[in-house]
Amino acid sequence: MSSPGQGLLAPLERQVRLLQTLVERSLAPFDAVFDLLEQSGAAMHRQADALSESARALEQAAELMRVQAELYERTVRTVRAPAEVAKGLAGVRRRDR
């Protein structure tokens, strides 16, 4: 047999459970928003990493272009030198660049 106190507790326990459910459902959208914000932060970190990698690749490409430019200029000077010597021997004036 149940005591009179237990009869009063059952409706209170039910109200507490209903209140808990209401609070959980009310706060669920906030949890979803915070989850999305965390995911956005992680995505931004990945983008920053990708941009850093791209920057390093561009720096390497720029350095390679500098080396190629120096080699090209040196090649032109090397190929031009015999022609300049021949012009000098022939008395041809060097043209201005």
PDB file of N, CA and C in Angstrom:
ATOM      1  N   MET A   1       0.833  -1.168   0.000  1.00  0.00           N
ATOM      2  CA  MET A   1       0.000   0.000   0.000  1.00  0.00           C
ATOM      3  C   MET A   1       0.884   1.239   0.000  1.00  0.00           C
ATOM      4  N   SER A   2       0.486   2.216  -0.755  1.00  0.00           N
ATOM      5  CA  SER A   2       1.290   3.421  -0.838  1.00  0.00           C
ATOM      6  C   SER A   2       0.853   4.424   0.201  1.00  0.00           C
ATOM      7  N   SER A   3       1.829   5.193   0.644  1.00  0.00           N
ATOM      8  CA  SER A   3       1.526   6.194   1.674  1.00  0.00           C
ATOM      9  C   SER A   3       0.939   7.426   1.012  1.00  0.00           C
ATOM     10  N   PRO A   4       0.265   8.263   1.782  1.00  0.00           N
ATOM     11  CA  PRO A   4      -0.352   9.463   1.200  1.00  0.00           C
ATOM     12  C   PRO A   4       0.700  10.405   0.605  1.00  0.00           C
ATOM     13  N   GLY A   5       1.917  10.404   1.151  1.00  0.00           N
ATOM     14  CA  GLY A   5       2.978  11.268   0.631  1.00  0.00           C
ATOM     15  C   GLY A   5       3.387  10.882  -0.773  1.00  0.00           C
ATOM     16  N   GLN A   6       3.384   9.576  -1.068  1.00  0.00           N
ATOM     17  CA  GLN A   6       3.758   9.118  -2.406  1.00  0.00           C
ATOM     18  C   GLN A   6       2.732   9.571  -3.442  1.00  0.00           C
ATOM     19  N   GLY A   7       1.500   9.642  -3.076  1.00  0.00           N
ATOM     20  CA  GLY A   7       0.450  10.095  -3.990  1.00  0.00           C
ATOM     21  C   GLY A   7       0.655  11.548  -4.390  1.00  0.00           C
ATOM     22  N   LEU A   8       1.194  12.346  -3.498  1.00  0.00           N
ATOM     23  CA  LEU A   8       1.449  13.758  -3.801  1.00  0.00           C
ATOM     24  C   LEU A   8       2.737  13.944  -4.600  1.00  0.00           C
ATOM     25  N   LEU A   9       3.682  13.048  -4.392  1.00  0.00           N
ATOM     26  CA  LEU A   9       4.973  13.173  -5.069  1.00  0.00           C
ATOM     27  C   LEU A   9       4.886  12.849  -6.558  1.00  0.00           C
ATOM     28  N   ALA A  10       4.046  11.944  -6.926  1.00  0.00           N
ATOM     29  CA  ALA A  10       3.970  11.532  -8.335  1.00  0.00           C
ATOM     30  C   ALA A  10       3.669  12.700  -9.267  1.00  0.00           C
ATOM     31  N   PRO A  11       2.669  13.531  -8.977  1.00  0.00           N
ATOM     32  CA  PRO A  11       2.413  14.660  -9.877  1.00  0.00           C
ATOM     33  C   PRO A  11       3.585  15.666  -9.881  1.00  0.00           C
ATOM     34  N   LEU A  12       4.235  15.857  -8.743  1.00  0.00           N
ATOM     35  CA  LEU A  12       5.374  16.775  -8.676  1.00  0.00           C
ATOM     36  C   LEU A  12       6.539  16.237  -9.504  1.00  0.00           C
ATOM     37  N   GLU A  13       6.776  14.926  -9.387  1.00  0.00           N
ATOM     38  CA  GLU A  13       7.850  14.313 -10.174  1.00  0.00           C
ATOM     39  C   GLU A  13       7.566  14.451 -11.674  1.00  0.00           C
ATOM     40  N   ARG A  14       6.328  14.283 -12.043  1.00  0.00           N
ATOM     41  CA  ARG A  14       5.943  14.428 -13.451  1.00  0.00           C
ATOM     42  C   ARG A  14       6.166  15.868 -13.916  1.00  0.00           C
ATOM     43  N   GLN A  15       5.798  16.830 -13.095  1.00  0.00           N
ATOM     44  CA  GLN A  15       5.999  18.235 -13.446  1.00  0.00           C
ATOM     45  C   GLN A  15       7.502  18.551 -13.589  1.00  0.00           C
ATOM     46  N   VAL A  16       8.320  17.982 -12.707  1.00  0.00           N
ATOM     47  CA  VAL A  16       9.769  18.197 -12.785  1.00  0.00           C
ATOM     48  C   VAL A  16      10.307  17.615 -14.094  1.00  0.00           C
ATOM     49  N   ARG A  17       9.858  16.416 -14.456  1.00  0.00           N
ATOM     50  CA  ARG A  17      10.295  15.806 -15.719  1.00  0.00           C
ATOM     51  C   ARG A  17       9.852  16.648 -16.914  1.00  0.00           C
ATOM     52  N   LEU A  18       8.630  17.143 -16.869  1.00  0.00           N
ATOM     53  CA  LEU A  18       8.144  17.991 -17.959  1.00  0.00           C
ATOM     54  C   LEU A  18       8.954  19.295 -18.044  1.00  0.00           C
ATOM     55  N   LEU A  19       9.273  19.845 -16.895  1.00  0.00           N
ATOM     56  CA  LEU A  19      10.071  21.066 -16.867  1.00  0.00           C
ATOM     57  C   LEU A  19      11.477  20.806 -17.411  1.00  0.00           C
ATOM     58  N   GLN A  20      12.066  19.666 -17.052  1.00  0.00           N
ATOM     59  CA  GLN A  20      13.384  19.301 -17.576  1.00  0.00           C
ATOM     60  C   GLN A  20      13.338  19.169 -19.099  1.00  0.00           C
ATOM     61  N   THR A  21      12.322  18.508 -19.603  1.00  0.00           N
ATOM     62  CA  THR A  21      12.159  18.334 -21.046  1.00  0.00           C
ATOM     63  C   THR A  21      12.021  19.693 -21.726  1.00  0.00           C
ATOM     64  N   LEU A  22      11.231  20.577 -21.138  1.00  0.00           N
ATOM     65  CA  LEU A  22      11.042  21.909 -21.693  1.00  0.00           C
ATOM     66  C   LEU A  22      12.369  22.679 -21.743  1.00  0.00           C
ATOM     67  N   VAL A  23      13.141  22.608 -20.668  1.00  0.00           N
ATOM     68  CA  VAL A  23      14.433  23.304 -20.619  1.00  0.00           C
ATOM     69  C   VAL A  23      15.389  22.708 -21.647  1.00  0.00           C
ATOM     70  N   GLU A  24      15.456  21.380 -21.743  1.00  0.00           N
ATOM     71  CA  GLU A  24      16.338  20.734 -22.712  1.00  0.00           C
ATOM     72  C   GLU A  24      15.986  21.149 -24.134  1.00  0.00           C
ATOM     73  N   ARG A  25      14.684  21.144 -24.446  1.00  0.00           N
ATOM     74  CA  ARG A  25      14.262  21.515 -25.800  1.00  0.00           C
ATOM     75  C   ARG A  25      14.488  23.000 -26.067  1.00  0.00           C
ATOM     76  N   SER A  26      14.363  23.808 -25.055  1.00  0.00           N
ATOM     77  CA  SER A  26      14.587  25.246 -25.223  1.00  0.00           C
ATOM     78  C   SER A  26      16.055  25.558 -25.479  1.00  0.00           C
ATOM     79  N   LEU A  27      16.957  24.784 -24.869  1.00  0.00           N
ATOM     80  CA  LEU A  27      18.378  25.044 -25.004  1.00  0.00           C
ATOM     81  C   LEU A  27      19.017  24.324 -26.184  1.00  0.00           C
ATOM     82  N   ALA A  28      18.329  23.370 -26.773  1.00  0.00           N
ATOM     83  CA  ALA A  28      18.879  22.603 -27.892  1.00  0.00           C
ATOM     84  C   ALA A  28      19.321  23.494 -29.058  1.00  0.00           C
ATOM     85  N   PRO A  29      18.541  24.506 -29.458  1.00  0.00           N
ATOM     86  CA  PRO A  29      19.014  25.363 -30.563  1.00  0.00           C
ATOM     87  C   PRO A  29      20.329  26.081 -30.237  1.00  0.00           C
ATOM     88  N   PHE A  30      20.515  26.462 -28.978  1.00  0.00           N
ATOM     89  CA  PHE A  30      21.770  27.102 -28.592  1.00  0.00           C
ATOM     90  C   PHE A  30      22.935  26.138 -28.750  1.00  0.00           C
ATOM     91  N   ASP A  31      22.739  24.900 -28.370  1.00  0.00           N
ATOM     92  CA  ASP A  31      23.786  23.891 -28.549  1.00  0.00           C
ATOM     93  C   ASP A  31      24.132  23.739 -30.028  1.00  0.00           C
ATOM     94  N   ALA A  32      23.109  23.737 -30.868  1.00  0.00           N
ATOM     95  CA  ALA A  32      23.335  23.597 -32.309  1.00  0.00           C
ATOM     96  C   ALA A  32      24.126  24.794 -32.841  1.00  0.00           C
ATOM     97  N   VAL A  33      23.791  25.991 -32.371  1.00  0.00           N
ATOM     98  CA  VAL A  33      24.512  27.190 -32.811  1.00  0.00           C
ATOM     99  C   VAL A  33      25.962  27.115 -32.371  1.00  0.00           C
ATOM    100  N   PHE A  34      26.206  26.714 -31.127  1.00  0.00           N
ATOM    101  CA  PHE A  34      27.582  26.610 -30.639  1.00  0.00           C
ATOM    102  C   PHE A  34      28.362  25.544 -31.406  1.00  0.00           C
ATOM    103  N   ASP A  35      27.699  24.445 -31.745  1.00  0.00           N
ATOM    104  CA  ASP A  35      28.357  23.410 -32.552  1.00  0.00           C
ATOM    105  C   ASP A  35      28.779  23.978 -33.912  1.00  0.00           C
ATOM    106  N   LEU A  36      27.880  24.731 -34.536  1.00  0.00           N
ATOM    107  CA  LEU A  36      28.198  25.337 -35.834  1.00  0.00           C
ATOM    108  C   LEU A  36      29.339  26.346 -35.711  1.00  0.00           C
ATOM    109  N   LEU A  37      29.334  27.120 -34.638  1.00  0.00           N
ATOM    110  CA  LEU A  37      30.417  28.092 -34.439  1.00  0.00           C
ATOM    111  C   LEU A  37      31.758  27.382 -34.263  1.00  0.00           C
ATOM    112  N   GLU A  38      31.770  26.282 -33.516  1.00  0.00           N
ATOM    113  CA  GLU A  38      33.007  25.515 -33.347  1.00  0.00           C
ATOM    114  C   GLU A  38      33.488  24.954 -34.685  1.00  0.00           C
ATOM    115  N   GLN A  39      32.552  24.433 -35.481  1.00  0.00           N
ATOM    116  CA  GLN A  39      32.914  23.899 -36.795  1.00  0.00           C
ATOM    117  C   GLN A  39      33.451  25.002 -37.708  1.00  0.00           C
ATOM    118  N   SER A  40      32.862  26.194 -37.608  1.00  0.00           N
ATOM    119  CA  SER A  40      33.333  27.320 -38.413  1.00  0.00           C
ATOM    120  C   SER A  40      34.752  27.705 -38.020  1.00  0.00           C
ATOM    121  N   GLY A  41      35.045  27.696 -36.741  1.00  0.00           N
ATOM    122  CA  GLY A  41      36.399  27.999 -36.279  1.00  0.00           C
ATOM    123  C   GLY A  41      37.399  26.986 -36.814  1.00  0.00           C
ATOM    124  N   ALA A  42      37.034  25.730 -36.785  1.00  0.00           N
ATOM    125  CA  ALA A  42      37.923  24.680 -37.305  1.00  0.00           C
ATOM    126  C   ALA A  42      38.138  24.859 -38.805  1.00  0.00           C
ATOM    127  N   ALA A  43      37.087  25.223 -39.518  1.00  0.00           N
ATOM    128  CA  ALA A  43      37.210  25.442 -40.965  1.00  0.00           C
ATOM    129  C   ALA A  43      38.134  26.629 -41.245  1.00  0.00           C
ATOM    130  N   MET A  44      38.042  27.668 -40.429  1.00  0.00           N
ATOM    131  CA  MET A  44      38.923  28.825 -40.614  1.00  0.00           C
ATOM    132  C   MET A  44      40.386  28.443 -40.378  1.00  0.00           C
ATOM    133  N   HIS A  45      40.624  27.579 -39.408  1.00  0.00           N
ATOM    134  CA  HIS A  45      41.996  27.101 -39.175  1.00  0.00           C
ATOM    135  C   HIS A  45      42.517  26.353 -40.402  1.00  0.00           C
ATOM    136  N   ARG A  46      41.676  25.498 -40.985  1.00  0.00           N
ATOM    137  CA  ARG A  46      42.090  24.758 -42.182  1.00  0.00           C
ATOM    138  C   ARG A  46      42.364  25.717 -43.345  1.00  0.00           C
ATOM    139  N   GLN A  47      41.533  26.751 -43.491  1.00  0.00           N
ATOM    140  CA  GLN A  47      41.755  27.730 -44.550  1.00  0.00           C
ATOM    141  C   GLN A  47      43.063  28.488 -44.326  1.00  0.00           C
ATOM    142  N   ALA A  48      43.334  28.853 -43.089  1.00  0.00           N
ATOM    143  CA  ALA A  48      44.586  29.560 -42.775  1.00  0.00           C
ATOM    144  C   ALA A  48      45.785  28.685 -43.100  1.00  0.00           C
ATOM    145  N   ASP A  49      45.689  27.412 -42.764  1.00  0.00           N
ATOM    146  CA  ASP A  49      46.785  26.482 -43.082  1.00  0.00           C
ATOM    147  C   ASP A  49      46.986  26.385 -44.597  1.00  0.00           C
ATOM    148  N   ALA A  50      45.883  26.294 -45.329  1.00  0.00           N
ATOM    149  CA  ALA A  50      45.973  26.198 -46.790  1.00  0.00           C
ATOM    150  C   ALA A  50      46.581  27.471 -47.380  1.00  0.00           C
ATOM    151  N   LEU A  51      46.208  28.631 -46.846  1.00  0.00           N
ATOM    152  CA  LEU A  51      46.782  29.887 -47.333  1.00  0.00           C
ATOM    153  C   LEU A  51      48.273  29.970 -47.016  1.00  0.00           C
ATOM    154  N   SER A  52      48.663  29.478 -45.861  1.00  0.00           N
ATOM    155  CA  SER A  52      50.086  29.467 -45.513  1.00  0.00           C
ATOM    156  C   SER A  52      50.865  28.586 -46.480  1.00  0.00           C
ATOM    157  N   GLU A  53      50.319  27.426 -46.797  1.00  0.00           N
ATOM    158  CA  GLU A  53      50.963  26.539 -47.763  1.00  0.00           C
ATOM    159  C   GLU A  53      51.063  27.207 -49.127  1.00  0.00           C
ATOM    160  N   SER A  54      49.999  27.880 -49.532  1.00  0.00           N
ATOM    161  CA  SER A  54      50.005  28.582 -50.822  1.00  0.00           C
ATOM    162  C   SER A  54      51.062  29.684 -50.828  1.00  0.00           C
ATOM    163  N   ALA A  55      51.173  30.398 -49.726  1.00  0.00           N
ATOM    164  CA  ALA A  55      52.165  31.467 -49.634  1.00  0.00           C
ATOM    165  C   ALA A  55      53.580  30.902 -49.767  1.00  0.00           C
ATOM    166  N   ARG A  56      53.827  29.774 -49.110  1.00  0.00           N
ATOM    167  CA  ARG A  56      55.146  29.147 -49.229  1.00  0.00           C
ATOM    168  C   ARG A  56      55.417  28.719 -50.673  1.00  0.00           C
ATOM    169  N   ALA A  57      54.410  28.161 -51.326  1.00  0.00           N
ATOM    170  CA  ALA A  57      54.577  27.731 -52.719  1.00  0.00           C
ATOM    171  C   ALA A  57      54.839  28.932 -53.622  1.00  0.00           C
ATOM    172  N   LEU A  58      54.140  30.033 -53.399  1.00  0.00           N
ATOM    173  CA  LEU A  58      54.368  31.233 -54.200  1.00  0.00           C
ATOM    174  C   LEU A  58      55.765  31.802 -53.967  1.00  0.00           C
ATOM    175  N   GLU A  59      56.221  31.770 -52.732  1.00  0.00           N
ATOM    176  CA  GLU A  59      57.569  32.253 -52.422  1.00  0.00           C
ATOM    177  C   GLU A  59      58.615  31.401 -53.131  1.00  0.00           C
ATOM    178  N   GLN A  60      58.413  30.091 -53.141  1.00  0.00           N
ATOM    179  CA  GLN A  60      59.338  29.206 -53.846  1.00  0.00           C
ATOM    180  C   GLN A  60      59.314  29.474 -55.345  1.00  0.00           C
ATOM    181  N   ALA A  61      58.122  29.700 -55.890  1.00  0.00           N
ATOM    182  CA  ALA A  61      58.011  30.000 -57.323  1.00  0.00           C
ATOM    183  C   ALA A  61      58.696  31.324 -57.649  1.00  0.00           C
ATOM    184  N   ALA A  62      58.545  32.314 -56.784  1.00  0.00           N
ATOM    185  CA  ALA A  62      59.196  33.609 -57.000  1.00  0.00           C
ATOM    186  C   ALA A  62      60.708  33.465 -56.971  1.00  0.00           C
ATOM    187  N   GLU A  63      61.217  32.679 -56.040  1.00  0.00           N
ATOM    188  CA  GLU A  63      62.671  32.472 -55.963  1.00  0.00           C
ATOM    189  C   GLU A  63      63.172  31.762 -57.215  1.00  0.00           C
ATOM    190  N   LEU A  64      62.436  30.787 -57.690  1.00  0.00           N
ATOM    191  CA  LEU A  64      62.813  30.096 -58.926  1.00  0.00           C
ATOM    192  C   LEU A  64      62.840  31.059 -60.107  1.00  0.00           C
ATOM    193  N   MET A  65      61.848  31.950 -60.167  1.00  0.00           N
ATOM    194  CA  MET A  65      61.825  32.952 -61.243  1.00  0.00           C
ATOM    195  C   MET A  65      63.036  33.881 -61.163  1.00  0.00           C
ATOM    196  N   ARG A  66      63.444  34.263 -59.949  1.00  0.00           N
ATOM    197  CA  ARG A  66      64.635  35.107 -59.796  1.00  0.00           C
ATOM    198  C   ARG A  66      65.879  34.394 -60.340  1.00  0.00           C
ATOM    199  N   VAL A  67      66.017  33.121 -59.990  1.00  0.00           N
ATOM    200  CA  VAL A  67      67.155  32.336 -60.471  1.00  0.00           C
ATOM    201  C   VAL A  67      67.117  32.234 -61.991  1.00  0.00           C
ATOM    202  N   GLN A  68      65.933  31.966 -62.551  1.00  0.00           N
ATOM    203  CA  GLN A  68      65.807  31.871 -64.009  1.00  0.00           C
ATOM    204  C   GLN A  68      66.161  33.193 -64.680  1.00  0.00           C
ATOM    205  N   ALA A  69      65.744  34.303 -64.097  1.00  0.00           N
ATOM    206  CA  ALA A  69      66.057  35.619 -64.657  1.00  0.00           C
ATOM    207  C   ALA A  69      67.565  35.857 -64.651  1.00  0.00           C
ATOM    208  N   GLU A  70      68.210  35.503 -63.543  1.00  0.00           N
ATOM    209  CA  GLU A  70      69.663  35.667 -63.466  1.00  0.00           C
ATOM    210  C   GLU A  70      70.371  34.794 -64.497  1.00  0.00           C
ATOM    211  N   LEU A  71      69.941  33.553 -64.652  1.00  0.00           N
ATOM    212  CA  LEU A  71      70.536  32.669 -65.660  1.00  0.00           C
ATOM    213  C   LEU A  71      70.322  33.207 -67.077  1.00  0.00           C
ATOM    214  N   TYR A  72      69.143  33.696 -67.335  1.00  0.00           N
ATOM    215  CA  TYR A  72      68.827  34.255 -68.648  1.00  0.00           C
ATOM    216  C   TYR A  72      69.731  35.451 -68.949  1.00  0.00           C
ATOM    217  N   GLU A  73      69.843  36.370 -67.980  1.00  0.00           N
ATOM    218  CA  GLU A  73      70.684  37.547 -68.178  1.00  0.00           C
ATOM    219  C   GLU A  73      72.151  37.156 -68.373  1.00  0.00           C
ATOM    220  N   ARG A  74      72.622  36.193 -67.590  1.00  0.00           N
ATOM    221  CA  ARG A  74      74.004  35.728 -67.727  1.00  0.00           C
ATOM    222  C   ARG A  74      74.222  35.090 -69.107  1.00  0.00           C
ATOM    223  N   THR A  75      73.238  34.331 -69.579  1.00  0.00           N
ATOM    224  CA  THR A  75      73.328  33.707 -70.903  1.00  0.00           C
ATOM    225  C   THR A  75      73.413  34.767 -71.988  1.00  0.00           C
ATOM    226  N   VAL A  76      72.589  35.793 -71.898  1.00  0.00           N
ATOM    227  CA  VAL A  76      72.618  36.864 -72.898  1.00  0.00           C
ATOM    228  C   VAL A  76      73.984  37.552 -72.885  1.00  0.00           C
ATOM    229  N   ARG A  77      74.518  37.837 -71.698  1.00  0.00           N
ATOM    230  CA  ARG A  77      75.841  38.467 -71.621  1.00  0.00           C
ATOM    231  C   ARG A  77      76.922  37.571 -72.226  1.00  0.00           C
ATOM    232  N   THR A  78      76.841  36.268 -71.939  1.00  0.00           N
ATOM    233  CA  THR A  78      77.838  35.315 -72.442  1.00  0.00           C
ATOM    234  C   THR A  78      77.780  35.213 -73.960  1.00  0.00           C
ATOM    235  N   VAL A  79      76.582  35.152 -74.501  1.00  0.00           N
ATOM    236  CA  VAL A  79      76.425  35.031 -75.947  1.00  0.00           C
ATOM    237  C   VAL A  79      76.790  36.348 -76.634  1.00  0.00           C
ATOM    238  N   ARG A  80      76.524  37.464 -75.994  1.00  0.00           N
ATOM    239  CA  ARG A  80      76.796  38.773 -76.578  1.00  0.00           C
ATOM    240  C   ARG A  80      78.300  39.079 -76.590  1.00  0.00           C
ATOM    241  N   ALA A  81      79.059  38.577 -75.647  1.00  0.00           N
ATOM    242  CA  ALA A  81      80.474  38.939 -75.494  1.00  0.00           C
ATOM    243  C   ALA A  81      81.288  38.728 -76.768  1.00  0.00           C
ATOM    244  N   PRO A  82      81.239  37.565 -77.428  1.00  0.00           N
ATOM    245  CA  PRO A  82      82.043  37.404 -78.657  1.00  0.00           C
ATOM    246  C   PRO A  82      81.639  38.390 -79.746  1.00  0.00           C
ATOM    247  N   ALA A  83      80.368  38.683 -79.854  1.00  0.00           N
ATOM    248  CA  ALA A  83      79.909  39.642 -80.868  1.00  0.00           C
ATOM    249  C   ALA A  83      80.467  41.028 -80.565  1.00  0.00           C
ATOM    250  N   GLU A  84      80.508  41.398 -79.287  1.00  0.00           N
ATOM    251  CA  GLU A  84      81.044  42.703 -78.918  1.00  0.00           C
ATOM    252  C   GLU A  84      82.546  42.781 -79.225  1.00  0.00           C
ATOM    253  N   VAL A  85      83.261  41.686 -78.972  1.00  0.00           N
ATOM    254  CA  VAL A  85      84.693  41.651 -79.282  1.00  0.00           C
ATOM    255  C   VAL A  85      84.890  41.810 -80.793  1.00  0.00           C
ATOM    256  N   ALA A  86      84.084  41.095 -81.565  1.00  0.00           N
ATOM    257  CA  ALA A  86      84.196  41.182 -83.028  1.00  0.00           C
ATOM    258  C   ALA A  86      83.880  42.589 -83.513  1.00  0.00           C
ATOM    259  N   LYS A  87      82.891  43.217 -82.957  1.00  0.00           N
ATOM    260  CA  LYS A  87      82.540  44.585 -83.335  1.00  0.00           C
ATOM    261  C   LYS A  87      83.704  45.524 -83.019  1.00  0.00           C
ATOM    262  N   GLY A  88      84.294  45.333 -81.848  1.00  0.00           N
ATOM    263  CA  GLY A  88      85.422  46.182 -81.461  1.00  0.00           C
ATOM    264  C   GLY A  88      86.588  46.029 -82.402  1.00  0.00           C
ATOM    265  N   LEU A  89      86.885  44.803 -82.782  1.00  0.00           N
ATOM    266  CA  LEU A  89      87.994  44.552 -83.711  1.00  0.00           C
ATOM    267  C   LEU A  89      87.712  45.131 -85.091  1.00  0.00           C
ATOM    268  N   ALA A  90      86.441  45.131 -85.470  1.00  0.00           N
ATOM    269  CA  ALA A  90      86.058  45.648 -86.779  1.00  0.00           C
ATOM    270  C   ALA A  90      85.865  47.149 -86.751  1.00  0.00           C
ATOM    271  N   GLY A  91      85.941  47.776 -85.583  1.00  0.00           N
ATOM    272  CA  GLY A  91      85.774  49.230 -85.472  1.00  0.00           C
ATOM    273  C   GLY A  91      84.329  49.673 -85.499  1.00  0.00           C
ATOM    274  N   VAL A  92      83.406  48.748 -85.281  1.00  0.00           N
ATOM    275  CA  VAL A  92      81.983  49.098 -85.235  1.00  0.00           C
ATOM    276  C   VAL A  92      81.647  49.594 -83.830  1.00  0.00           C
ATOM    277  N   ARG A  93      80.984  50.737 -83.822  1.00  0.00           N
ATOM    278  CA  ARG A  93      80.609  51.291 -82.526  1.00  0.00           C
ATOM    279  C   ARG A  93      79.483  50.485 -81.908  1.00  0.00           C
ATOM    280  N   ARG A  94      79.551  50.367 -80.641  1.00  0.00           N
ATOM    281  CA  ARG A  94      78.492  49.645 -79.913  1.00  0.00           C
ATOM    282  C   ARG A  94      77.263  50.523 -79.858  1.00  0.00           C
ATOM    283  N   ARG A  95      76.145  49.951 -80.164  1.00  0.00           N
ATOM    284  CA  ARG A  95      74.902  50.740 -80.133  1.00  0.00           C
ATOM    285  C   ARG A  95      74.434  50.897 -78.694  1.00  0.00           C
ATOM    286  N   ASP A  96      73.775  51.997 -78.433  1.00  0.00           N
ATOM    287  CA  ASP A  96      73.239  52.252 -77.087  1.00  0.00           C
ATOM    288  C   ASP A  96      71.983  51.417 -76.863  1.00  0.00           C
ATOM    289  N   ARG A  97      71.847  50.973 -75.683  1.00  0.00           N
ATOM    290  CA  ARG A  97      70.666  50.158 -75.349  1.00  0.00           C
ATOM    291  C   ARG A  97      69.593  51.006 -74.753  1.00  0.00           C
TER     292      ARG A  97
END
